Amino acid sequence: MEHRCSKRNPFQHSIVVDSPGLGLTSTNSGDISLGGMFLHAEGVNFPLDAPVFVAFDIPAGTHHSDFGLEAMVVRKATSGVGLMFLEMETGIRRALQSALYGTPTFSPVLGEIQ
């Protein structure tokens, strides 16, 4: 059973990862959500619980939204690693939400609705 707060989207894009001890690594992602992403990192040994910084862009219509986020390695698999995004500023979280799911609607009673 998965315990996710947001929907995962397929996301096959180039990602730059900065990891203490490993330095800069270029890899590809498999999916992304507001909570994190999966990286195809075969041959790269990211330690479990390691802090990393990921840089990527998300195509959004005629432009791209660039993101640089702090994350932590929370899952290791033979094909890669699962990252959990760490604390994001509200504006960055809203920009990521908009890039992933479109602009959310707002209800004064219910708050943001996807």
N, C-alpha and C. Protein backbone atom coordinates (compact mmCIF):
# COMPACT_ATOMS: atom_id res chain seq x y z
N MET A 1 0.84 -1.18 0.00
CA MET A 1 0.00 0.00 0.00
C MET A 1 0.88 1.24 0.00
N GLU A 2 0.60 2.15 -0.92
CA GLU A 2 1.38 3.37 -1.02
C GLU A 2 0.78 4.45 -0.13
N HIS A 3 1.65 5.26 0.43
CA HIS A 3 1.23 6.37 1.29
C HIS A 3 1.68 7.67 0.65
N ARG A 4 1.01 8.06 -0.40
CA ARG A 4 1.39 9.26 -1.13
C ARG A 4 0.33 10.35 -0.96
N CYS A 5 0.82 11.58 -0.89
CA CYS A 5 -0.08 12.72 -0.76
C CYS A 5 -0.39 13.34 -2.11
N SER A 6 0.37 12.98 -3.14
CA SER A 6 0.12 13.54 -4.46
C SER A 6 0.39 12.48 -5.53
N LYS A 7 -0.24 12.68 -6.66
CA LYS A 7 -0.17 11.72 -7.76
C LYS A 7 1.20 11.75 -8.45
N ARG A 8 1.73 10.56 -8.74
CA ARG A 8 2.98 10.48 -9.50
C ARG A 8 2.67 10.64 -10.98
N ASN A 9 3.52 11.40 -11.65
CA ASN A 9 3.42 11.58 -13.10
C ASN A 9 4.63 10.95 -13.76
N PRO A 10 4.44 10.27 -14.89
CA PRO A 10 5.61 9.81 -15.64
C PRO A 10 6.46 11.04 -15.99
N PHE A 11 7.75 10.92 -15.87
CA PHE A 11 8.62 12.09 -16.08
C PHE A 11 10.00 11.58 -16.47
N GLN A 12 10.23 11.39 -17.77
CA GLN A 12 11.50 10.91 -18.26
C GLN A 12 12.31 12.10 -18.78
N HIS A 13 13.14 12.64 -17.89
CA HIS A 13 13.95 13.81 -18.23
C HIS A 13 15.33 13.69 -17.61
N SER A 14 16.25 14.47 -18.13
CA SER A 14 17.60 14.52 -17.60
C SER A 14 17.60 15.29 -16.28
N ILE A 15 18.29 14.73 -15.29
CA ILE A 15 18.35 15.31 -13.96
C ILE A 15 19.82 15.43 -13.56
N VAL A 16 20.20 16.53 -12.96
CA VAL A 16 21.54 16.69 -12.41
C VAL A 16 21.41 16.55 -10.90
N VAL A 17 22.23 15.66 -10.34
CA VAL A 17 22.19 15.39 -8.90
C VAL A 17 23.54 15.77 -8.30
N ASP A 18 23.51 16.56 -7.23
CA ASP A 18 24.72 16.89 -6.48
C ASP A 18 24.63 16.16 -5.15
N SER A 19 25.57 15.27 -4.91
CA SER A 19 25.55 14.44 -3.72
C SER A 19 26.90 14.51 -3.01
N PRO A 20 26.90 14.73 -1.69
CA PRO A 20 28.17 14.73 -0.96
C PRO A 20 28.89 13.39 -1.17
N GLY A 21 30.16 13.46 -1.47
CA GLY A 21 30.94 12.25 -1.67
C GLY A 21 30.93 11.75 -3.11
N LEU A 22 29.85 12.00 -3.84
CA LEU A 22 29.76 11.55 -5.24
C LEU A 22 29.89 12.71 -6.21
N GLY A 23 29.67 13.93 -5.75
CA GLY A 23 29.74 15.09 -6.63
C GLY A 23 28.56 15.16 -7.57
N LEU A 24 28.77 15.77 -8.73
CA LEU A 24 27.70 15.94 -9.71
C LEU A 24 27.53 14.68 -10.55
N THR A 25 26.28 14.27 -10.70
CA THR A 25 25.93 13.10 -11.50
C THR A 25 24.76 13.47 -12.40
N SER A 26 24.82 13.05 -13.66
CA SER A 26 23.70 13.25 -14.57
C SER A 26 22.99 11.91 -14.75
N THR A 27 21.69 11.92 -14.57
CA THR A 27 20.91 10.69 -14.69
C THR A 27 19.54 11.04 -15.28
N ASN A 28 18.66 10.07 -15.36
CA ASN A 28 17.32 10.30 -15.88
C ASN A 28 16.28 9.94 -14.83
N SER A 29 15.18 10.65 -14.88
CA SER A 29 14.10 10.38 -13.93
C SER A 29 13.10 9.41 -14.53
N GLY A 30 12.30 8.80 -13.66
CA GLY A 30 11.25 7.89 -14.11
C GLY A 30 9.87 8.45 -13.85
N ASP A 31 9.70 9.07 -12.67
CA ASP A 31 8.44 9.72 -12.36
C ASP A 31 8.69 10.81 -11.33
N ILE A 32 7.65 11.65 -11.12
CA ILE A 32 7.78 12.77 -10.19
C ILE A 32 6.41 13.06 -9.58
N SER A 33 6.43 13.56 -8.36
CA SER A 33 5.22 14.06 -7.69
C SER A 33 5.64 15.25 -6.85
N LEU A 34 4.70 15.84 -6.15
CA LEU A 34 5.04 16.94 -5.25
C LEU A 34 5.94 16.48 -4.11
N GLY A 35 5.91 15.19 -3.81
CA GLY A 35 6.69 14.67 -2.69
C GLY A 35 8.07 14.17 -3.03
N GLY A 36 8.32 13.88 -4.31
CA GLY A 36 9.64 13.37 -4.67
C GLY A 36 9.69 12.85 -6.09
N MET A 37 10.75 12.11 -6.40
CA MET A 37 10.92 11.56 -7.74
C MET A 37 11.71 10.27 -7.69
N PHE A 38 11.59 9.49 -8.76
CA PHE A 38 12.39 8.28 -8.90
C PHE A 38 13.45 8.54 -9.95
N LEU A 39 14.70 8.20 -9.63
CA LEU A 39 15.81 8.37 -10.56
C LEU A 39 16.32 7.02 -11.02
N HIS A 40 16.54 6.87 -12.32
CA HIS A 40 17.20 5.69 -12.86
C HIS A 40 18.69 5.93 -12.66
N ALA A 41 19.25 5.28 -11.68
CA ALA A 41 20.64 5.55 -11.30
C ALA A 41 21.45 4.27 -11.24
N GLU A 42 21.30 3.43 -12.24
CA GLU A 42 22.06 2.18 -12.28
C GLU A 42 23.55 2.50 -12.35
N GLY A 43 24.32 1.84 -11.51
CA GLY A 43 25.76 2.06 -11.50
C GLY A 43 26.21 3.19 -10.60
N VAL A 44 25.27 3.96 -10.05
CA VAL A 44 25.62 5.03 -9.12
C VAL A 44 25.12 4.60 -7.74
N ASN A 45 25.99 4.61 -6.77
CA ASN A 45 25.63 4.12 -5.44
C ASN A 45 25.29 5.28 -4.51
N PHE A 46 24.06 5.78 -4.64
CA PHE A 46 23.59 6.81 -3.71
C PHE A 46 23.26 6.12 -2.39
N PRO A 47 23.88 6.53 -1.28
CA PRO A 47 23.58 5.89 0.01
C PRO A 47 22.16 6.21 0.47
N LEU A 48 21.53 5.27 1.13
CA LEU A 48 20.22 5.48 1.72
C LEU A 48 20.33 6.59 2.76
N ASP A 49 19.33 7.45 2.82
CA ASP A 49 19.25 8.60 3.74
C ASP A 49 20.24 9.71 3.40
N ALA A 50 20.89 9.63 2.25
CA ALA A 50 21.85 10.67 1.86
C ALA A 50 21.11 11.91 1.39
N PRO A 51 21.57 13.09 1.80
CA PRO A 51 20.99 14.32 1.27
C PRO A 51 21.55 14.56 -0.14
N VAL A 52 20.70 15.03 -1.03
CA VAL A 52 21.12 15.36 -2.40
C VAL A 52 20.44 16.66 -2.82
N PHE A 53 20.96 17.25 -3.87
CA PHE A 53 20.34 18.42 -4.48
C PHE A 53 20.07 18.05 -5.93
N VAL A 54 18.82 18.19 -6.38
CA VAL A 54 18.47 17.83 -7.75
C VAL A 54 18.08 19.08 -8.53
N ALA A 55 18.55 19.15 -9.77
CA ALA A 55 18.22 20.26 -10.67
C ALA A 55 17.59 19.68 -11.92
N PHE A 56 16.46 20.26 -12.32
CA PHE A 56 15.74 19.77 -13.49
C PHE A 56 14.82 20.86 -14.00
N ASP A 57 14.30 20.65 -15.19
CA ASP A 57 13.28 21.56 -15.71
C ASP A 57 12.08 20.76 -16.16
N ILE A 58 10.94 21.41 -16.13
CA ILE A 58 9.69 20.79 -16.55
C ILE A 58 9.12 21.60 -17.70
N PRO A 59 8.99 21.00 -18.88
CA PRO A 59 8.36 21.72 -19.99
C PRO A 59 6.92 22.07 -19.65
N ALA A 60 6.56 23.32 -19.86
CA ALA A 60 5.20 23.78 -19.57
C ALA A 60 4.74 24.66 -20.71
N GLY A 61 4.13 24.05 -21.72
CA GLY A 61 3.66 24.82 -22.87
C GLY A 61 4.84 25.32 -23.69
N THR A 62 4.94 26.64 -23.83
CA THR A 62 6.00 27.22 -24.64
C THR A 62 7.25 27.57 -23.84
N HIS A 63 7.24 27.31 -22.54
CA HIS A 63 8.41 27.61 -21.72
C HIS A 63 8.75 26.44 -20.81
N HIS A 64 9.85 26.56 -20.08
CA HIS A 64 10.28 25.53 -19.13
C HIS A 64 10.34 26.15 -17.74
N SER A 65 9.97 25.39 -16.75
CA SER A 65 10.11 25.81 -15.36
C SER A 65 11.32 25.09 -14.79
N ASP A 66 12.30 25.85 -14.31
CA ASP A 66 13.52 25.27 -13.74
C ASP A 66 13.37 25.11 -12.24
N PHE A 67 13.85 23.98 -11.72
CA PHE A 67 13.77 23.71 -10.29
C PHE A 67 15.11 23.22 -9.77
N GLY A 68 15.43 23.60 -8.57
CA GLY A 68 16.58 23.11 -7.83
C GLY A 68 16.08 22.80 -6.43
N LEU A 69 16.02 21.52 -6.06
CA LEU A 69 15.40 21.12 -4.80
C LEU A 69 16.30 20.23 -3.97
N GLU A 70 16.24 20.42 -2.66
CA GLU A 70 16.92 19.52 -1.74
C GLU A 70 16.05 18.29 -1.56
N ALA A 71 16.70 17.14 -1.47
CA ALA A 71 15.97 15.88 -1.35
C ALA A 71 16.81 14.90 -0.52
N MET A 72 16.19 13.76 -0.23
CA MET A 72 16.87 12.70 0.50
C MET A 72 16.57 11.37 -0.17
N VAL A 73 17.58 10.50 -0.25
CA VAL A 73 17.40 9.16 -0.80
C VAL A 73 16.63 8.34 0.24
N VAL A 74 15.41 7.91 -0.12
CA VAL A 74 14.57 7.17 0.83
C VAL A 74 14.29 5.73 0.39
N ARG A 75 14.67 5.40 -0.85
CA ARG A 75 14.43 4.03 -1.33
C ARG A 75 15.48 3.69 -2.36
N LYS A 76 15.98 2.47 -2.28
CA LYS A 76 16.94 1.98 -3.27
C LYS A 76 16.35 0.75 -3.94
N ALA A 77 16.50 0.69 -5.25
CA ALA A 77 16.04 -0.46 -6.04
C ALA A 77 17.16 -0.80 -7.03
N THR A 78 17.05 -1.93 -7.67
CA THR A 78 18.09 -2.31 -8.63
C THR A 78 18.16 -1.33 -9.81
N SER A 79 17.03 -0.70 -10.12
CA SER A 79 17.00 0.20 -11.27
C SER A 79 17.22 1.67 -10.91
N GLY A 80 17.30 1.99 -9.61
CA GLY A 80 17.50 3.38 -9.26
C GLY A 80 17.16 3.68 -7.82
N VAL A 81 16.86 4.96 -7.56
CA VAL A 81 16.58 5.40 -6.18
C VAL A 81 15.34 6.27 -6.13
N GLY A 82 14.65 6.20 -5.01
CA GLY A 82 13.51 7.08 -4.75
C GLY A 82 13.97 8.24 -3.88
N LEU A 83 13.63 9.44 -4.28
CA LEU A 83 13.97 10.64 -3.52
C LEU A 83 12.73 11.25 -2.92
N MET A 84 12.87 11.78 -1.72
CA MET A 84 11.81 12.56 -1.09
C MET A 84 12.29 14.01 -1.05
N PHE A 85 11.48 14.91 -1.62
CA PHE A 85 11.83 16.32 -1.55
C PHE A 85 11.73 16.79 -0.10
N LEU A 86 12.69 17.60 0.29
CA LEU A 86 12.67 18.15 1.64
C LEU A 86 11.94 19.48 1.64
N GLU A 87 11.91 20.16 2.74
CA GLU A 87 11.11 21.37 2.91
C GLU A 87 11.28 22.33 1.73
N MET A 88 10.14 22.71 1.15
CA MET A 88 10.12 23.66 0.03
C MET A 88 9.42 24.92 0.48
N GLU A 89 9.91 26.05 0.01
CA GLU A 89 9.20 27.29 0.25
C GLU A 89 7.85 27.22 -0.46
N THR A 90 6.87 27.93 0.06
CA THR A 90 5.51 27.88 -0.48
C THR A 90 5.47 28.23 -1.96
N GLY A 91 6.19 29.26 -2.37
CA GLY A 91 6.19 29.67 -3.77
C GLY A 91 6.76 28.61 -4.69
N ILE A 92 7.80 27.92 -4.24
CA ILE A 92 8.40 26.86 -5.05
C ILE A 92 7.44 25.68 -5.13
N ARG A 93 6.82 25.33 -4.01
CA ARG A 93 5.85 24.22 -4.01
C ARG A 93 4.69 24.52 -4.96
N ARG A 94 4.19 25.74 -4.94
CA ARG A 94 3.09 26.11 -5.85
C ARG A 94 3.53 26.08 -7.31
N ALA A 95 4.75 26.53 -7.58
CA ALA A 95 5.27 26.49 -8.95
C ALA A 95 5.41 25.05 -9.43
N LEU A 96 5.90 24.17 -8.56
CA LEU A 96 6.02 22.76 -8.93
C LEU A 96 4.65 22.14 -9.14
N GLN A 97 3.71 22.45 -8.27
CA GLN A 97 2.34 21.94 -8.41
C GLN A 97 1.73 22.39 -9.73
N SER A 98 1.92 23.65 -10.06
CA SER A 98 1.38 24.19 -11.31
C SER A 98 2.03 23.52 -12.52
N ALA A 99 3.35 23.31 -12.46
CA ALA A 99 4.06 22.67 -13.58
C ALA A 99 3.64 21.22 -13.76
N LEU A 100 3.37 20.52 -12.65
CA LEU A 100 3.02 19.11 -12.72
C LEU A 100 1.56 18.86 -13.05
N TYR A 101 0.68 19.64 -12.45
CA TYR A 101 -0.75 19.34 -12.52
C TYR A 101 -1.58 20.44 -13.16
N GLY A 102 -0.95 21.51 -13.62
CA GLY A 102 -1.69 22.65 -14.13
C GLY A 102 -2.01 23.60 -12.99
N THR A 103 -2.51 24.75 -13.30
CA THR A 103 -2.82 25.74 -12.28
C THR A 103 -4.00 25.27 -11.45
N PRO A 104 -3.83 25.15 -10.13
CA PRO A 104 -4.94 24.68 -9.29
C PRO A 104 -6.01 25.76 -9.16
N THR A 105 -7.22 25.31 -8.96
CA THR A 105 -8.29 26.25 -8.68
C THR A 105 -8.32 26.48 -7.18
N PHE A 106 -8.92 27.57 -6.75
CA PHE A 106 -8.95 27.89 -5.33
C PHE A 106 -10.39 28.11 -4.87
N SER A 107 -10.73 27.52 -3.76
CA SER A 107 -12.03 27.71 -3.14
C SER A 107 -11.80 28.31 -1.76
N PRO A 108 -12.47 29.42 -1.42
CA PRO A 108 -12.27 30.01 -0.09
C PRO A 108 -12.64 29.03 1.03
N VAL A 109 -13.50 28.09 0.75
CA VAL A 109 -13.92 27.13 1.77
C VAL A 109 -13.00 25.91 1.82
N LEU A 110 -12.65 25.36 0.63
CA LEU A 110 -11.88 24.14 0.58
C LEU A 110 -10.38 24.34 0.38
N GLY A 111 -9.96 25.55 0.03
CA GLY A 111 -8.55 25.78 -0.27
C GLY A 111 -8.24 25.35 -1.69
N GLU A 112 -7.00 24.96 -1.95
CA GLU A 112 -6.62 24.54 -3.29
C GLU A 112 -7.25 23.21 -3.66
N ILE A 113 -7.74 23.13 -4.88
CA ILE A 113 -8.35 21.91 -5.38
C ILE A 113 -7.63 21.53 -6.66
N GLN A 114 -7.20 20.28 -6.75
CA GLN A 114 -6.52 19.84 -7.97
C GLN A 114 -7.52 19.34 -8.97
